[in-house]
């Protein structure tokens, strides 16, 4: 009568995975060992967490004009800097709009919000 035993072992050290399979058949023993690196995909970076450029670089490359209705319900039509635009629309949207302006080939880039605010980046 032939009896076969199989044992499975796994171990993780840092980002390496070690797997071992031991197959025993009567007196003979066969060992298979596998080593894998982590197969996890790198985490996607989101534009919300990446600062594209510093505020001085953005202010030196663009004039930022905002027109429409602000948070208090007043009509505005003024030039603002980075700080003024961030106060009006928030950092996440501002980073998205700056990336769009840098990737644009035209002299000006207009970004519109559903709440009636329009932000235009004029290249210097």
PDB file of N, CA and C in Angstrom:
ATOM      1  N   UNK A   1       0.843  -1.168   0.000  1.00  0.00           N
ATOM      2  CA  UNK A   1       0.000   0.000   0.000  1.00  0.00           C
ATOM      3  C   UNK A   1       0.892   1.235   0.000  1.00  0.00           C
ATOM      4  N   UNK A   2       0.533   2.214  -0.845  1.00  0.00           N
ATOM      5  CA  UNK A   2       1.329   3.437  -1.010  1.00  0.00           C
ATOM      6  C   UNK A   2       0.571   4.601  -0.381  1.00  0.00           C
ATOM      7  N   UNK A   3       1.212   5.286   0.561  1.00  0.00           N
ATOM      8  CA  UNK A   3       0.595   6.430   1.228  1.00  0.00           C
ATOM      9  C   UNK A   3       1.395   7.682   0.853  1.00  0.00           C
ATOM     10  N   UNK A   4       0.680   8.715   0.395  1.00  0.00           N
ATOM     11  CA  UNK A   4       1.328   9.973   0.001  1.00  0.00           C
ATOM     12  C   UNK A   4       0.824  11.077   0.920  1.00  0.00           C
ATOM     13  N   UNK A   5       1.748  11.813   1.522  1.00  0.00           N
ATOM     14  CA  UNK A   5       1.424  12.957   2.354  1.00  0.00           C
ATOM     15  C   UNK A   5       1.933  14.217   1.652  1.00  0.00           C
ATOM     16  N   UNK A   6       1.168  15.264   1.699  1.00  0.00           N
ATOM     17  CA  UNK A   6       1.608  16.543   1.127  1.00  0.00           C
ATOM     18  C   UNK A   6       1.439  17.618   2.192  1.00  0.00           C
ATOM     19  N   UNK A   7       2.472  18.400   2.381  1.00  0.00           N
ATOM     20  CA  UNK A   7       2.448  19.499   3.342  1.00  0.00           C
ATOM     21  C   UNK A   7       2.712  20.802   2.590  1.00  0.00           C
ATOM     22  N   UNK A   8       2.017  21.830   2.983  1.00  0.00           N
ATOM     23  CA  UNK A   8       2.176  23.128   2.329  1.00  0.00           C
ATOM     24  C   UNK A   8       2.556  24.155   3.389  1.00  0.00           C
ATOM     25  N   UNK A   9       3.618  24.918   3.129  1.00  0.00           N
ATOM     26  CA  UNK A   9       4.075  25.954   4.056  1.00  0.00           C
ATOM     27  C   UNK A   9       4.209  27.264   3.301  1.00  0.00           C
ATOM     28  N   UNK A  10       3.881  28.356   3.952  1.00  0.00           N
ATOM     29  CA  UNK A  10       4.087  29.677   3.344  1.00  0.00           C
ATOM     30  C   UNK A  10       4.633  30.620   4.403  1.00  0.00           C
ATOM     31  N   UNK A  11       5.453  31.546   3.942  1.00  0.00           N
ATOM     32  CA  UNK A  11       6.099  32.503   4.833  1.00  0.00           C
ATOM     33  C   UNK A  11       6.274  33.805   4.076  1.00  0.00           C
ATOM     34  N   UNK A  12       6.008  34.915   4.747  1.00  0.00           N
ATOM     35  CA  UNK A  12       6.179  36.225   4.117  1.00  0.00           C
ATOM     36  C   UNK A  12       7.184  37.031   4.932  1.00  0.00           C
ATOM     37  N   UNK A  13       8.232  37.489   4.255  1.00  0.00           N
ATOM     38  CA  UNK A  13       9.222  38.357   4.876  1.00  0.00           C
ATOM     39  C   UNK A  13       9.332  39.596   4.009  1.00  0.00           C
ATOM     40  N   UNK A  14       9.014  40.736   4.589  1.00  0.00           N
ATOM     41  CA  UNK A  14       8.950  42.006   3.849  1.00  0.00           C
ATOM     42  C   UNK A  14       8.046  41.828   2.634  1.00  0.00           C
ATOM     43  N   UNK A  15       8.580  41.973   1.444  1.00  0.00           N
ATOM     44  CA  UNK A  15       7.767  41.844   0.240  1.00  0.00           C
ATOM     45  C   UNK A  15       8.023  40.535  -0.503  1.00  0.00           C
ATOM     46  N   UNK A  16       8.739  39.599   0.108  1.00  0.00           N
ATOM     47  CA  UNK A  16       9.002  38.308  -0.521  1.00  0.00           C
ATOM     48  C   UNK A  16       8.117  37.235   0.099  1.00  0.00           C
ATOM     49  N   UNK A  17       7.608  36.367  -0.740  1.00  0.00           N
ATOM     50  CA  UNK A  17       6.767  35.273  -0.288  1.00  0.00           C
ATOM     51  C   UNK A  17       7.491  33.953  -0.559  1.00  0.00           C
ATOM     52  N   UNK A  18       7.573  33.110   0.453  1.00  0.00           N
ATOM     53  CA  UNK A  18       8.221  31.808   0.332  1.00  0.00           C
ATOM     54  C   UNK A  18       7.156  30.733   0.470  1.00  0.00           C
ATOM     55  N   UNK A  19       7.103  29.823  -0.499  1.00  0.00           N
ATOM     56  CA  UNK A  19       6.157  28.725  -0.465  1.00  0.00           C
ATOM     57  C   UNK A  19       6.934  27.417  -0.565  1.00  0.00           C
ATOM     58  N   UNK A  20       6.523  26.446   0.195  1.00  0.00           N
ATOM     59  CA  UNK A  20       7.180  25.137   0.140  1.00  0.00           C
ATOM     60  C   UNK A  20       6.110  24.053   0.141  1.00  0.00           C
ATOM     61  N   UNK A  21       6.295  23.097  -0.711  1.00  0.00           N
ATOM     62  CA  UNK A  21       5.419  21.927  -0.760  1.00  0.00           C
ATOM     63  C   UNK A  21       6.289  20.701  -0.540  1.00  0.00           C
ATOM     64  N   UNK A  22       5.950  19.928   0.464  1.00  0.00           N
ATOM     65  CA  UNK A  22       6.703  18.712   0.770  1.00  0.00           C
ATOM     66  C   UNK A  22       5.794  17.516   0.485  1.00  0.00           C
ATOM     67  N   UNK A  23       6.246  16.666  -0.412  1.00  0.00           N
ATOM     68  CA  UNK A  23       5.481  15.474  -0.762  1.00  0.00           C
ATOM     69  C   UNK A  23       6.262  14.259  -0.262  1.00  0.00           C
ATOM     70  N   UNK A  24       5.621  13.489   0.593  1.00  0.00           N
ATOM     71  CA  UNK A  24       6.248  12.288   1.149  1.00  0.00           C
ATOM     72  C   UNK A  24       5.553  11.050   0.604  1.00  0.00           C
ATOM     73  N   UNK A  25       6.346  10.154   0.092  1.00  0.00           N
ATOM     74  CA  UNK A  25       5.805   8.882  -0.387  1.00  0.00           C
ATOM     75  C   UNK A  25       6.663   7.783   0.218  1.00  0.00           C
ATOM     76  N   UNK A  26       6.072   7.092   1.157  1.00  0.00           N
ATOM     77  CA  UNK A  26       6.780   6.072   1.927  1.00  0.00           C
ATOM     78  C   UNK A  26       8.081   6.639   2.510  1.00  0.00           C
ATOM     79  N   UNK A  27       9.200   6.286   1.977  1.00  0.00           N
ATOM     80  CA  UNK A  27      10.487   6.716   2.534  1.00  0.00           C
ATOM     81  C   UNK A  27      11.027   7.948   1.799  1.00  0.00           C
ATOM     82  N   UNK A  28      10.600   8.168   0.552  1.00  0.00           N
ATOM     83  CA  UNK A  28      11.142   9.255  -0.264  1.00  0.00           C
ATOM     84  C   UNK A  28      10.423  10.573   0.037  1.00  0.00           C
ATOM     85  N   UNK A  29      11.164  11.643  -0.075  1.00  0.00           N
ATOM     86  CA  UNK A  29      10.613  12.967   0.206  1.00  0.00           C
ATOM     87  C   UNK A  29      11.033  13.918  -0.915  1.00  0.00           C
ATOM     88  N   UNK A  30      10.095  14.639  -1.471  1.00  0.00           N
ATOM     89  CA  UNK A  30      10.369  15.621  -2.519  1.00  0.00           C
ATOM     90  C   UNK A  30       9.948  16.994  -1.989  1.00  0.00           C
ATOM     91  N   UNK A  31      10.815  17.973  -2.163  1.00  0.00           N
ATOM     92  CA  UNK A  31      10.520  19.329  -1.668  1.00  0.00           C
ATOM     93  C   UNK A  31      10.537  20.294  -2.847  1.00  0.00           C
ATOM     94  N   UNK A  32       9.472  21.040  -3.009  1.00  0.00           N
ATOM     95  CA  UNK A  32       9.399  22.109  -3.996  1.00  0.00           C
ATOM     96  C   UNK A  32       9.350  23.433  -3.231  1.00  0.00           C
ATOM     97  N   UNK A  33      10.193  24.350  -3.612  1.00  0.00           N
ATOM     98  CA  UNK A  33      10.232  25.635  -2.925  1.00  0.00           C
ATOM     99  C   UNK A  33      10.096  26.745  -3.964  1.00  0.00           C
ATOM    100  N   UNK A  34       9.246  27.706  -3.686  1.00  0.00           N
ATOM    101  CA  UNK A  34       9.018  28.819  -4.593  1.00  0.00           C
ATOM    102  C   UNK A  34       9.222  30.130  -3.836  1.00  0.00           C
ATOM    103  N   UNK A  35       9.816  31.087  -4.501  1.00  0.00           N
ATOM    104  CA  UNK A  35      10.000  32.422  -3.923  1.00  0.00           C
ATOM    105  C   UNK A  35       9.399  33.425  -4.903  1.00  0.00           C
ATOM    106  N   UNK A  36       8.490  34.244  -4.408  1.00  0.00           N
ATOM    107  CA  UNK A  36       7.835  35.249  -5.232  1.00  0.00           C
ATOM    108  C   UNK A  36       8.047  36.623  -4.618  1.00  0.00           C
ATOM    109  N   UNK A  37       8.213  37.590  -5.486  1.00  0.00           N
ATOM    110  CA  UNK A  37       8.184  38.972  -5.026  1.00  0.00           C
ATOM    111  C   UNK A  37       6.720  39.378  -4.940  1.00  0.00           C
ATOM    112  N   UNK A  38       6.482  40.463  -4.284  1.00  0.00           N
ATOM    113  CA  UNK A  38       5.116  40.934  -4.137  1.00  0.00           C
ATOM    114  C   UNK A  38       4.525  41.251  -5.505  1.00  0.00           C
ATOM    115  N   UNK A  39       3.335  40.759  -5.754  1.00  0.00           N
ATOM    116  CA  UNK A  39       2.681  40.990  -7.035  1.00  0.00           C
ATOM    117  C   UNK A  39       1.688  42.139  -6.964  1.00  0.00           C
ATOM    118  N   UNK A  40       1.693  42.845  -5.842  1.00  0.00           N
ATOM    119  CA  UNK A  40       0.770  43.963  -5.710  1.00  0.00           C
ATOM    120  C   UNK A  40       1.147  45.058  -6.695  1.00  0.00           C
ATOM    121  N   UNK A  41       0.144  45.631  -7.333  1.00  0.00           N
ATOM    122  CA  UNK A  41       0.396  46.745  -8.229  1.00  0.00           C
ATOM    123  C   UNK A  41       0.742  47.969  -7.370  1.00  0.00           C
ATOM    124  N   UNK A  42       1.589  48.839  -7.882  1.00  0.00           N
ATOM    125  CA  UNK A  42       1.863  50.044  -7.110  1.00  0.00           C
ATOM    126  C   UNK A  42       0.586  50.862  -6.961  1.00  0.00           C
ATOM    127  N   UNK A  43       0.474  51.536  -5.836  1.00  0.00           N
ATOM    128  CA  UNK A  43      -0.730  52.310  -5.584  1.00  0.00           C
ATOM    129  C   UNK A  43      -0.828  53.446  -6.586  1.00  0.00           C
ATOM    130  N   UNK A  44      -2.040  53.678  -7.044  1.00  0.00           N
ATOM    131  CA  UNK A  44      -2.248  54.770  -7.979  1.00  0.00           C
ATOM    132  C   UNK A  44      -2.133  56.086  -7.217  1.00  0.00           C
ATOM    133  N   UNK A  45      -1.376  56.973  -7.793  1.00  0.00           N
ATOM    134  CA  UNK A  45      -1.307  58.291  -7.193  1.00  0.00           C
ATOM    135  C   UNK A  45      -2.406  59.133  -7.784  1.00  0.00           C
ATOM    136  N   UNK A  46      -2.999  59.885  -6.958  1.00  0.00           N
ATOM    137  CA  UNK A  46      -4.120  60.689  -7.379  1.00  0.00           C
ATOM    138  C   UNK A  46      -3.706  62.141  -7.420  1.00  0.00           C
ATOM    139  N   UNK A  47      -4.237  62.892  -8.347  1.00  0.00           N
ATOM    140  CA  UNK A  47      -3.864  64.288  -8.435  1.00  0.00           C
ATOM    141  C   UNK A  47      -4.278  65.071  -7.191  1.00  0.00           C
ATOM    142  N   UNK A  48      -5.139  64.509  -6.373  1.00  0.00           N
ATOM    143  CA  UNK A  48      -5.550  65.200  -5.165  1.00  0.00           C
ATOM    144  C   UNK A  48      -4.397  65.306  -4.159  1.00  0.00           C
ATOM    145  N   UNK A  49      -3.471  64.370  -4.210  1.00  0.00           N
ATOM    146  CA  UNK A  49      -2.400  64.374  -3.231  1.00  0.00           C
ATOM    147  C   UNK A  49      -1.086  64.890  -3.782  1.00  0.00           C
ATOM    148  N   UNK A  50      -1.020  65.177  -5.062  1.00  0.00           N
ATOM    149  CA  UNK A  50       0.229  65.613  -5.669  1.00  0.00           C
ATOM    150  C   UNK A  50       0.183  67.118  -5.887  1.00  0.00           C
ATOM    151  N   UNK A  51       1.166  67.816  -5.384  1.00  0.00           N
ATOM    152  CA  UNK A  51       1.276  69.236  -5.661  1.00  0.00           C
ATOM    153  C   UNK A  51       2.006  69.375  -6.987  1.00  0.00           C
ATOM    154  N   UNK A  52       1.355  69.970  -7.966  1.00  0.00           N
ATOM    155  CA  UNK A  52       1.935  70.090  -9.305  1.00  0.00           C
ATOM    156  C   UNK A  52       3.146  71.018  -9.265  1.00  0.00           C
ATOM    157  N   UNK A  53       2.963  72.211  -8.787  1.00  0.00           N
ATOM    158  CA  UNK A  53       4.029  73.208  -8.678  1.00  0.00           C
ATOM    159  C   UNK A  53       3.768  74.051  -7.440  1.00  0.00           C
ATOM    160  N   UNK A  54       4.760  74.834  -7.090  1.00  0.00           N
ATOM    161  CA  UNK A  54       4.555  75.718  -5.943  1.00  0.00           C
ATOM    162  C   UNK A  54       3.688  76.906  -6.372  1.00  0.00           C
ATOM    163  N   UNK A  55       3.143  77.597  -5.403  1.00  0.00           N
ATOM    164  CA  UNK A  55       2.250  78.708  -5.719  1.00  0.00           C
ATOM    165  C   UNK A  55       2.992  79.843  -6.414  1.00  0.00           C
ATOM    166  N   UNK A  56       4.268  80.033  -6.094  1.00  0.00           N
ATOM    167  CA  UNK A  56       5.021  81.105  -6.772  1.00  0.00           C
ATOM    168  C   UNK A  56       5.232  80.769  -8.244  1.00  0.00           C
ATOM    169  N   UNK A  57       5.462  79.501  -8.561  1.00  0.00           N
ATOM    170  CA  UNK A  57       5.627  79.112  -9.962  1.00  0.00           C
ATOM    171  C   UNK A  57       4.316  79.245 -10.728  1.00  0.00           C
ATOM    172  N   UNK A  58       3.208  78.885 -10.097  1.00  0.00           N
ATOM    173  CA  UNK A  58       1.909  79.012 -10.762  1.00  0.00           C
ATOM    174  C   UNK A  58       1.585  80.475 -10.983  1.00  0.00           C
ATOM    175  N   UNK A  59       1.798  81.307  -9.959  1.00  0.00           N
ATOM    176  CA  UNK A  59       1.513  82.732 -10.091  1.00  0.00           C
ATOM    177  C   UNK A  59       2.424  83.404 -11.109  1.00  0.00           C
ATOM    178  N   UNK A  60       3.659  82.911 -11.265  1.00  0.00           N
ATOM    179  CA  UNK A  60       4.557  83.522 -12.238  1.00  0.00           C
ATOM    180  C   UNK A  60       4.260  83.061 -13.667  1.00  0.00           C
ATOM    181  N   UNK A  61       3.596  81.917 -13.842  1.00  0.00           N
ATOM    182  CA  UNK A  61       3.281  81.414 -15.178  1.00  0.00           C
ATOM    183  C   UNK A  61       1.884  81.783 -15.662  1.00  0.00           C
ATOM    184  N   UNK A  62       0.951  82.049 -14.740  1.00  0.00           N
ATOM    185  CA  UNK A  62      -0.441  82.287 -15.115  1.00  0.00           C
ATOM    186  C   UNK A  62      -1.009  83.504 -14.402  1.00  0.00           C
ATOM    187  N   UNK A  63      -1.942  84.153 -15.075  1.00  0.00           N
ATOM    188  CA  UNK A  63      -2.858  85.083 -14.417  1.00  0.00           C
ATOM    189  C   UNK A  63      -4.171  84.315 -14.275  1.00  0.00           C
ATOM    190  N   UNK A  64      -4.729  84.320 -13.093  1.00  0.00           N
ATOM    191  CA  UNK A  64      -5.932  83.531 -12.814  1.00  0.00           C
ATOM    192  C   UNK A  64      -7.091  84.494 -12.609  1.00  0.00           C
ATOM    193  N   UNK A  65      -8.090  84.394 -13.476  1.00  0.00           N
ATOM    194  CA  UNK A  65      -9.262  85.260 -13.388  1.00  0.00           C
ATOM    195  C   UNK A  65     -10.473  84.420 -13.015  1.00  0.00           C
ATOM    196  N   UNK A  66     -11.243  84.912 -12.060  1.00  0.00           N
ATOM    197  CA  UNK A  66     -12.440  84.209 -11.597  1.00  0.00           C
ATOM    198  C   UNK A  66     -13.630  85.111 -11.839  1.00  0.00           C
ATOM    199  N   UNK A  67     -14.672  84.588 -12.479  1.00  0.00           N
ATOM    200  CA  UNK A  67     -15.915  85.347 -12.583  1.00  0.00           C
ATOM    201  C   UNK A  67     -17.091  84.408 -12.388  1.00  0.00           C
ATOM    202  N   UNK A  68     -18.176  84.986 -11.914  1.00  0.00           N
ATOM    203  CA  UNK A  68     -19.371  84.208 -11.604  1.00  0.00           C
ATOM    204  C   UNK A  68     -19.892  84.581 -10.238  1.00  0.00           C
ATOM    205  N   UNK A  69     -20.414  83.602  -9.541  1.00  0.00           N
ATOM    206  CA  UNK A  69     -21.004  83.825  -8.223  1.00  0.00           C
ATOM    207  C   UNK A  69     -20.185  83.050  -7.194  1.00  0.00           C
ATOM    208  N   UNK A  70     -19.718  83.740  -6.155  1.00  0.00           N
ATOM    209  CA  UNK A  70     -18.899  83.070  -5.139  1.00  0.00           C
ATOM    210  C   UNK A  70     -19.783  82.359  -4.122  1.00  0.00           C
ATOM    211  N   UNK A  71     -19.163  81.859  -3.058  1.00  0.00           N
ATOM    212  CA  UNK A  71     -19.888  81.078  -2.041  1.00  0.00           C
ATOM    213  C   UNK A  71     -20.922  81.898  -1.284  1.00  0.00           C
ATOM    214  N   UNK A  72     -20.711  83.208  -1.194  1.00  0.00           N
ATOM    215  CA  UNK A  72     -21.638  84.065  -0.446  1.00  0.00           C
ATOM    216  C   UNK A  72     -22.771  84.598  -1.300  1.00  0.00           C
ATOM    217  N   UNK A  73     -22.797  84.249  -2.589  1.00  0.00           N
ATOM    218  CA  UNK A  73     -23.862  84.691  -3.475  1.00  0.00           C
ATOM    219  C   UNK A  73     -23.566  86.003  -4.170  1.00  0.00           C
ATOM    220  N   UNK A  74     -22.385  86.550  -4.038  1.00  0.00           N
ATOM    221  CA  UNK A  74     -22.020  87.807  -4.685  1.00  0.00           C
ATOM    222  C   UNK A  74     -21.381  87.531  -6.037  1.00  0.00           C
ATOM    223  N   UNK A  75     -21.619  88.430  -6.992  1.00  0.00           N
ATOM    224  CA  UNK A  75     -20.975  88.315  -8.292  1.00  0.00           C
ATOM    225  C   UNK A  75     -19.538  88.809  -8.174  1.00  0.00           C
ATOM    226  N   UNK A  76     -18.629  88.065  -8.786  1.00  0.00           N
ATOM    227  CA  UNK A  76     -17.232  88.478  -8.779  1.00  0.00           C
ATOM    228  C   UNK A  76     -16.691  88.382 -10.195  1.00  0.00           C
ATOM    229  N   UNK A  77     -15.732  89.246 -10.493  1.00  0.00           N
ATOM    230  CA  UNK A  77     -15.061  89.248 -11.782  1.00  0.00           C
ATOM    231  C   UNK A  77     -13.682  89.859 -11.548  1.00  0.00           C
ATOM    232  N   UNK A  78     -12.771  89.080 -10.961  1.00  0.00           N
ATOM    233  CA  UNK A  78     -11.488  89.639 -10.548  1.00  0.00           C
ATOM    234  C   UNK A  78     -10.340  88.688 -10.865  1.00  0.00           C
ATOM    235  N   UNK A  79      -9.133  89.259 -10.875  1.00  0.00           N
ATOM    236  CA  UNK A  79      -7.924  88.453 -10.933  1.00  0.00           C
ATOM    237  C   UNK A  79      -7.575  88.021  -9.522  1.00  0.00           C
ATOM    238  N   UNK A  80      -7.259  86.769  -9.357  1.00  0.00           N
ATOM    239  CA  UNK A  80      -6.871  86.237  -8.050  1.00  0.00           C
ATOM    240  C   UNK A  80      -5.553  85.489  -8.208  1.00  0.00           C
ATOM    241  N   UNK A  81      -4.898  85.234  -7.113  1.00  0.00           N
ATOM    242  CA  UNK A  81      -3.709  84.391  -7.119  1.00  0.00           C
ATOM    243  C   UNK A  81      -4.094  82.969  -6.757  1.00  0.00           C
ATOM    244  N   UNK A  82      -3.107  82.171  -6.491  1.00  0.00           N
ATOM    245  CA  UNK A  82      -3.368  80.776  -6.105  1.00  0.00           C
ATOM    246  C   UNK A  82      -4.176  80.700  -4.827  1.00  0.00           C
ATOM    247  N   UNK A  83      -3.801  81.509  -3.863  1.00  0.00           N
ATOM    248  CA  UNK A  83      -4.480  81.459  -2.569  1.00  0.00           C
ATOM    249  C   UNK A  83      -5.951  81.839  -2.700  1.00  0.00           C
ATOM    250  N   UNK A  84      -6.243  82.859  -3.482  1.00  0.00           N
ATOM    251  CA  UNK A  84      -7.634  83.266  -3.676  1.00  0.00           C
ATOM    252  C   UNK A  84      -8.448  82.212  -4.395  1.00  0.00           C
ATOM    253  N   UNK A  85      -7.844  81.552  -5.385  1.00  0.00           N
ATOM    254  CA  UNK A  85      -8.561  80.503  -6.115  1.00  0.00           C
ATOM    255  C   UNK A  85      -8.799  79.289  -5.228  1.00  0.00           C
ATOM    256  N   UNK A  86      -7.811  78.947  -4.402  1.00  0.00           N
ATOM    257  CA  UNK A  86      -7.975  77.802  -3.497  1.00  0.00           C
ATOM    258  C   UNK A  86      -9.071  78.078  -2.486  1.00  0.00           C
ATOM    259  N   UNK A  87      -9.169  79.320  -2.007  1.00  0.00           N
ATOM    260  CA  UNK A  87     -10.243  79.660  -1.062  1.00  0.00           C
ATOM    261  C   UNK A  87     -11.614  79.538  -1.707  1.00  0.00           C
ATOM    262  N   UNK A  88     -11.692  79.823  -3.008  1.00  0.00           N
ATOM    263  CA  UNK A  88     -12.991  79.760  -3.681  1.00  0.00           C
ATOM    264  C   UNK A  88     -13.403  78.345  -4.073  1.00  0.00           C
ATOM    265  N   UNK A  89     -12.455  77.527  -4.586  1.00  0.00           N
ATOM    266  CA  UNK A  89     -12.862  76.229  -5.135  1.00  0.00           C
ATOM    267  C   UNK A  89     -12.285  75.029  -4.409  1.00  0.00           C
ATOM    268  N   UNK A  90     -11.286  75.227  -3.552  1.00  0.00           N
ATOM    269  CA  UNK A  90     -10.684  74.106  -2.839  1.00  0.00           C
ATOM    270  C   UNK A  90      -9.430  73.619  -3.534  1.00  0.00           C
ATOM    271  N   UNK A  91      -8.576  72.960  -2.770  1.00  0.00           N
ATOM    272  CA  UNK A  91      -7.263  72.539  -3.273  1.00  0.00           C
ATOM    273  C   UNK A  91      -7.362  71.455  -4.337  1.00  0.00           C
ATOM    274  N   UNK A  92      -8.270  70.491  -4.171  1.00  0.00           N
ATOM    275  CA  UNK A  92      -8.366  69.381  -5.115  1.00  0.00           C
ATOM    276  C   UNK A  92      -8.742  69.865  -6.513  1.00  0.00           C
ATOM    277  N   UNK A  93      -9.779  70.689  -6.579  1.00  0.00           N
ATOM    278  CA  UNK A  93     -10.190  71.212  -7.879  1.00  0.00           C
ATOM    279  C   UNK A  93      -9.129  72.134  -8.464  1.00  0.00           C
ATOM    280  N   UNK A  94      -8.485  72.915  -7.609  1.00  0.00           N
ATOM    281  CA  UNK A  94      -7.451  73.822  -8.102  1.00  0.00           C
ATOM    282  C   UNK A  94      -6.287  73.040  -8.711  1.00  0.00           C
ATOM    283  N   UNK A  95      -5.854  71.962  -8.056  1.00  0.00           N
ATOM    284  CA  UNK A  95      -4.784  71.134  -8.614  1.00  0.00           C
ATOM    285  C   UNK A  95      -5.192  70.538  -9.964  1.00  0.00           C
ATOM    286  N   UNK A  96      -6.433  70.118 -10.062  1.00  0.00           N
ATOM    287  CA  UNK A  96      -6.935  69.559 -11.316  1.00  0.00           C
ATOM    288  C   UNK A  96      -6.931  70.612 -12.422  1.00  0.00           C
ATOM    289  N   UNK A  97      -7.366  71.820 -12.093  1.00  0.00           N
ATOM    290  CA  UNK A  97      -7.418  72.887 -13.092  1.00  0.00           C
ATOM    291  C   UNK A  97      -6.019  73.347 -13.498  1.00  0.00           C
ATOM    292  N   UNK A  98      -5.077  73.374 -12.558  1.00  0.00           N
ATOM    293  CA  UNK A  98      -3.703  73.765 -12.887  1.00  0.00           C
ATOM    294  C   UNK A  98      -3.073  72.731 -13.814  1.00  0.00           C
ATOM    295  N   UNK A  99      -3.320  71.457 -13.557  1.00  0.00           N
ATOM    296  CA  UNK A  99      -2.800  70.416 -14.440  1.00  0.00           C
ATOM    297  C   UNK A  99      -3.383  70.562 -15.840  1.00  0.00           C
ATOM    298  N   UNK A 100      -4.657  70.879 -15.918  1.00  0.00           N
ATOM    299  CA  UNK A 100      -5.300  71.088 -17.217  1.00  0.00           C
ATOM    300  C   UNK A 100      -4.693  72.295 -17.934  1.00  0.00           C
ATOM    301  N   UNK A 101      -4.402  73.356 -17.193  1.00  0.00           N
ATOM    302  CA  UNK A 101      -3.818  74.552 -17.793  1.00  0.00           C
ATOM    303  C   UNK A 101      -2.396  74.293 -18.289  1.00  0.00           C
ATOM    304  N   UNK A 102      -1.608  73.534 -17.531  1.00  0.00           N
ATOM    305  CA  UNK A 102      -0.250  73.232 -17.963  1.00  0.00           C
ATOM    306  C   UNK A 102      -0.233  72.326 -19.193  1.00  0.00           C
ATOM    307  N   UNK A 103      -1.194  71.432 -19.317  1.00  0.00           N
ATOM    308  CA  UNK A 103      -1.240  70.522 -20.462  1.00  0.00           C
ATOM    309  C   UNK A 103      -1.853  71.160 -21.705  1.00  0.00           C
ATOM    310  N   UNK A 104      -2.479  72.306 -21.536  1.00  0.00           N
ATOM    311  CA  UNK A 104      -3.133  72.969 -22.648  1.00  0.00           C
ATOM    312  C   UNK A 104      -2.105  73.637 -23.555  1.00  0.00           C
ATOM    313  N   UNK A 105      -2.416  73.673 -24.855  1.00  0.00           N
ATOM    314  CA  UNK A 105      -1.520  74.324 -25.809  1.00  0.00           C
ATOM    315  C   UNK A 105      -1.956  75.748 -26.136  1.00  0.00           C
ATOM    316  N   UNK A 106      -3.145  76.131 -25.718  1.00  0.00           N
ATOM    317  CA  UNK A 106      -3.634  77.475 -26.029  1.00  0.00           C
ATOM    318  C   UNK A 106      -3.150  78.480 -24.991  1.00  0.00           C
ATOM    319  N   UNK A 107      -3.380  79.755 -25.293  1.00  0.00           N
ATOM    320  CA  UNK A 107      -2.937  80.828 -24.399  1.00  0.00           C
ATOM    321  C   UNK A 107      -3.767  80.914 -23.130  1.00  0.00           C
ATOM    322  N   UNK A 108      -5.033  80.539 -23.236  1.00  0.00           N
ATOM    323  CA  UNK A 108      -5.869  80.567 -22.037  1.00  0.00           C
ATOM    324  C   UNK A 108      -6.663  79.276 -21.924  1.00  0.00           C
ATOM    325  N   UNK A 109      -6.928  78.904 -20.687  1.00  0.00           N
ATOM    326  CA  UNK A 109      -7.698  77.699 -20.392  1.00  0.00           C
ATOM    327  C   UNK A 109      -8.840  78.090 -19.468  1.00  0.00           C
ATOM    328  N   UNK A 110     -10.056  77.755 -19.867  1.00  0.00           N
ATOM    329  CA  UNK A 110     -11.225  78.090 -19.066  1.00  0.00           C
ATOM    330  C   UNK A 110     -11.782  76.830 -18.441  1.00  0.00           C
ATOM    331  N   UNK A 111     -12.016  76.894 -17.144  1.00  0.00           N
ATOM    332  CA  UNK A 111     -12.592  75.772 -16.396  1.00  0.00           C
ATOM    333  C   UNK A 111     -13.871  76.261 -15.733  1.00  0.00           C
ATOM    334  N   UNK A 112     -14.961  75.563 -15.982  1.00  0.00           N
ATOM    335  CA  UNK A 112     -16.261  75.987 -15.466  1.00  0.00           C
ATOM    336  C   UNK A 112     -16.763  75.006 -14.424  1.00  0.00           C
ATOM    337  N   UNK A 113     -17.368  75.546 -13.392  1.00  0.00           N
ATOM    338  CA  UNK A 113     -18.005  74.734 -12.352  1.00  0.00           C
ATOM    339  C   UNK A 113     -19.512  74.794 -12.517  1.00  0.00           C
ATOM    340  N   UNK A 114     -20.197  73.786 -12.058  1.00  0.00           N
ATOM    341  CA  UNK A 114     -21.657  73.743 -12.197  1.00  0.00           C
ATOM    342  C   UNK A 114     -22.345  74.817 -11.378  1.00  0.00           C
ATOM    343  N   UNK A 115     -21.706  75.290 -10.344  1.00  0.00           N
ATOM    344  CA  UNK A 115     -22.340  76.295  -9.492  1.00  0.00           C
ATOM    345  C   UNK A 115     -22.240  77.700 -10.075  1.00  0.00           C
ATOM    346  N   UNK A 116     -21.706  77.814 -11.303  1.00  0.00           N
ATOM    347  CA  UNK A 116     -21.703  79.101 -11.991  1.00  0.00           C
ATOM    348  C   UNK A 116     -20.393  79.850 -11.907  1.00  0.00           C
ATOM    349  N   UNK A 117     -19.361  79.232 -11.382  1.00  0.00           N
ATOM    350  CA  UNK A 117     -18.061  79.882 -11.267  1.00  0.00           C
ATOM    351  C   UNK A 117     -17.202  79.480 -12.449  1.00  0.00           C
ATOM    352  N   UNK A 118     -16.535  80.453 -13.051  1.00  0.00           N
ATOM    353  CA  UNK A 118     -15.686  80.191 -14.194  1.00  0.00           C
ATOM    354  C   UNK A 118     -14.283  80.695 -13.864  1.00  0.00           C
ATOM    355  N   UNK A 119     -13.271  79.830 -14.022  1.00  0.00           N
ATOM    356  CA  UNK A 119     -11.902  80.174 -13.713  1.00  0.00           C
ATOM    357  C   UNK A 119     -11.102  80.090 -15.015  1.00  0.00           C
ATOM    358  N   UNK A 120     -10.412  81.170 -15.355  1.00  0.00           N
ATOM    359  CA  UNK A 120      -9.635  81.214 -16.587  1.00  0.00           C
ATOM    360  C   UNK A 120      -8.175  81.418 -16.244  1.00  0.00           C
ATOM    361  N   UNK A 121      -7.326  80.567 -16.795  1.00  0.00           N
ATOM    362  CA  UNK A 121      -5.879  80.674 -16.630  1.00  0.00           C
ATOM    363  C   UNK A 121      -5.312  81.291 -17.896  1.00  0.00           C
ATOM    364  N   UNK A 122      -4.719  82.471 -17.773  1.00  0.00           N
ATOM    365  CA  UNK A 122      -4.076  83.143 -18.897  1.00  0.00           C
ATOM    366  C   UNK A 122      -2.582  82.935 -18.783  1.00  0.00           C
ATOM    367  N   UNK A 123      -1.966  82.365 -19.811  1.00  0.00           N
ATOM    368  CA  UNK A 123      -0.520  82.163 -19.795  1.00  0.00           C
ATOM    369  C   UNK A 123       0.213  83.478 -19.983  1.00  0.00           C
ATOM    370  N   UNK A 124       1.316  83.641 -19.255  1.00  0.00           N
ATOM    371  CA  UNK A 124       2.087  84.878 -19.365  1.00  0.00           C
ATOM    372  C   UNK A 124       3.081  84.779 -20.489  1.00  0.00           C
TER     373      UNK A 124
END
